[in-house]
Protein backbone atom coordinates (compact mmCIF):
# COMPACT_ATOMS: atom_id res chain seq x y z
CA UNK A 1 31.93 120.35 184.05
CA UNK A 2 32.15 117.35 181.75
CA UNK A 3 32.23 117.77 177.98
CA UNK A 4 30.06 114.66 177.57
CA UNK A 5 26.81 115.53 175.82
CA UNK A 6 23.76 113.40 176.59
CA UNK A 7 21.74 112.09 173.67
CA UNK A 8 18.68 113.91 175.01
CA UNK A 9 20.63 117.22 174.88
CA UNK A 10 21.71 116.45 171.33
CA UNK A 11 18.16 115.68 170.21
CA UNK A 12 16.75 118.84 171.79
CA UNK A 13 19.57 120.96 170.31
CA UNK A 14 19.07 119.62 166.78
CA UNK A 15 15.27 119.93 166.97
CA UNK A 16 15.57 123.51 168.20
CA UNK A 17 18.02 124.42 165.45
CA UNK A 18 15.70 123.19 162.68
CA UNK A 19 12.65 124.82 164.27
CA UNK A 20 14.40 128.19 164.42
CA UNK A 21 15.70 127.72 160.87
CA UNK A 22 12.20 127.00 159.55
CA UNK A 23 10.77 130.00 161.39
CA UNK A 24 13.54 132.34 160.24
CA UNK A 25 14.79 133.07 163.76
CA UNK A 26 18.29 133.86 162.53
CA UNK A 27 19.44 135.33 165.87
CA UNK A 28 18.65 131.95 167.44
CA UNK A 29 20.69 130.18 164.74
CA UNK A 30 23.65 132.49 165.32
CA UNK A 31 24.11 131.34 168.93
CA UNK A 32 24.05 127.70 167.78
CA UNK A 33 26.84 128.03 165.20
CA UNK A 34 30.47 128.00 166.33
CA UNK A 35 33.01 130.41 164.87
CA UNK A 36 34.95 127.43 163.47
CA UNK A 37 31.86 126.03 161.70
CA UNK A 38 32.46 123.98 158.55
CA UNK A 39 29.33 123.54 156.41
CA UNK A 40 28.82 121.35 153.35
CA UNK A 41 25.58 120.88 151.46
CA UNK A 42 25.07 118.92 148.24
CA UNK A 43 23.00 116.20 146.63
CA UNK A 44 24.04 112.56 146.72
CA UNK A 45 25.06 112.69 143.06
CA UNK A 46 26.52 116.18 143.22
CA UNK A 47 24.79 116.86 139.91
CA UNK A 48 21.02 117.03 140.46
CA UNK A 49 18.99 119.51 138.37
CA UNK A 50 18.76 121.95 141.30
CA UNK A 51 22.31 121.49 142.62
CA UNK A 52 22.96 125.23 142.38
CA UNK A 53 20.17 125.88 144.90
CA UNK A 54 21.53 123.58 147.58
CA UNK A 55 25.27 123.25 147.05
CA UNK A 56 27.53 125.08 149.48
CA UNK A 57 30.95 124.62 151.01
CA UNK A 58 31.39 127.19 153.74
CA UNK A 59 34.06 127.97 156.33
CA UNK A 60 33.33 129.90 159.51
CA UNK A 61 30.25 130.73 161.51
CA UNK A 62 29.55 134.10 159.87
CA UNK A 63 29.75 132.69 156.33
CA UNK A 64 27.56 129.74 157.28
CA UNK A 65 24.93 131.92 158.95
CA UNK A 66 24.84 134.29 155.96
CA UNK A 67 24.26 131.39 153.54
CA UNK A 68 21.65 129.72 155.76
CA UNK A 69 19.81 133.06 156.07
CA UNK A 70 19.83 133.64 152.30
CA UNK A 71 18.86 130.02 151.59
CA UNK A 72 15.96 130.16 154.06
CA UNK A 73 14.71 133.49 152.69
CA UNK A 74 14.65 132.06 149.15
CA UNK A 75 12.54 129.05 150.14
CA UNK A 76 8.81 128.73 150.92
CA UNK A 77 6.99 129.05 154.21
CA UNK A 78 5.85 126.86 155.81
CA UNK A 79 8.82 124.59 155.35
CA UNK A 80 9.52 121.89 157.94
CA UNK A 81 12.79 120.11 158.61
CA UNK A 82 12.52 116.88 160.64
CA UNK A 83 15.59 115.20 162.14
CA UNK A 84 15.09 111.49 162.81
CA UNK A 85 17.17 108.47 163.84
CA UNK A 86 19.68 110.64 165.69
CA UNK A 87 22.73 108.76 166.97
CA UNK A 88 26.33 109.43 168.00
CA UNK A 89 29.09 108.31 165.66
CA UNK A 90 31.98 109.19 167.95
CA UNK A 91 33.85 111.91 169.78
CA UNK A 92 36.98 113.85 169.02
CA UNK A 93 38.32 115.98 171.85
CA UNK A 94 35.35 118.11 173.01
CA UNK A 95 33.30 117.48 169.83
CA UNK A 96 30.56 114.86 169.70
CA UNK A 97 29.87 113.58 166.18
CA UNK A 98 26.27 112.76 165.31
CA UNK A 99 24.40 111.40 162.27
CA UNK A 100 20.71 111.62 161.46
CA UNK A 101 18.19 111.51 158.65
CA UNK A 102 16.69 114.78 157.49
CA UNK A 103 13.18 114.89 156.02
CA UNK A 104 11.73 118.13 154.63
CA UNK A 105 8.15 118.96 153.69
CA UNK A 106 6.18 122.01 152.57
CA UNK A 107 2.52 122.77 151.84
CA UNK A 108 1.06 123.25 148.36
CA UNK A 109 -2.64 123.53 147.56
CA UNK A 110 -3.35 123.05 151.28
CA UNK A 111 -1.62 119.64 151.33
CA UNK A 112 1.76 118.81 152.89
CA UNK A 113 4.14 117.06 150.51
CA UNK A 114 7.68 115.73 150.51
CA UNK A 115 10.41 118.10 149.41
CA UNK A 116 13.59 116.26 150.26
CA UNK A 117 15.37 113.81 152.49
CA UNK A 118 18.97 113.04 153.21
CA UNK A 119 21.70 112.20 155.69
CA UNK A 120 23.32 114.79 157.94
CA UNK A 121 26.59 114.48 159.86
CA UNK A 122 27.31 117.12 162.50
CA UNK A 123 29.90 117.99 165.10
CA UNK A 124 28.57 119.47 168.35
CA UNK A 125 30.46 120.89 171.33
CA UNK A 126 29.66 122.88 174.42
CA UNK A 127 30.05 126.63 173.96
CA UNK A 128 29.89 129.53 176.39
CA UNK A 129 26.09 129.78 176.06
CA UNK A 130 25.12 126.19 175.28
CA UNK A 131 25.70 123.66 172.53
CA UNK A 132 27.05 124.77 169.16
CA UNK A 133 27.61 123.13 165.80
CA UNK A 134 31.24 122.91 164.73
CA UNK A 135 30.41 121.18 161.44
CA UNK A 136 27.45 120.12 159.36
CA UNK A 137 27.44 118.02 156.21
CA UNK A 138 24.05 117.72 154.50
CA UNK A 139 23.81 115.18 151.65
CA UNK A 140 20.33 115.27 150.14
CA UNK A 141 18.75 112.36 148.30
CA UNK A 142 18.29 113.18 144.61
CA UNK A 143 18.97 109.89 142.84
CA UNK A 144 16.09 107.58 142.01
CA UNK A 145 15.74 104.63 144.36
CA UNK A 146 16.96 101.29 143.06
CA UNK A 147 17.06 97.78 144.57
CA UNK A 148 19.62 97.67 147.37
CA UNK A 149 21.52 94.79 145.70
CA UNK A 150 22.03 96.99 142.63
CA UNK A 151 23.18 99.89 144.83
CA UNK A 152 25.64 97.58 146.65
CA UNK A 153 27.06 96.29 143.39
CA UNK A 154 27.55 99.83 142.06
CA UNK A 155 29.18 100.94 145.32
CA UNK A 156 31.54 97.96 145.30
CA UNK A 157 32.49 98.57 141.68
CA UNK A 158 33.12 102.27 142.35
CA UNK A 159 35.27 101.48 145.40
CA UNK A 160 37.36 99.07 143.31
CA UNK A 161 38.24 101.65 140.70
């Protein structure tokens, strides 16, 4: 069997993962996380006012699942994670690398509202029972939006130092 993973498989896998995360189906998450999982979560600045609630650098499937379980249990329900603009960024051996936007909402006073957004990079490979994540890096947006030209200038200046 080929290790190539079709984009449709990737999209279904990612959507299923976030659905099961939101619903607290932790046994379903466990089969989607590889033993070698590397997990990183932080804000774009690394210093937002709630950094302690989202920051994690984890090594191994068991450690990642434990943190995801605790993190989910500490957050509200309903909470919805939406993965959009999913695309491949490359392959390395049997791992397909993928990037996508993450948008999160919850409901307060009977009205859905935005909680967060960000960029996620993942590694996915075929496991014994289906696809599994080998890595996930979640960088959530926390900085105020600015004109893109200003962002570009700041990025160029930072890269030059």
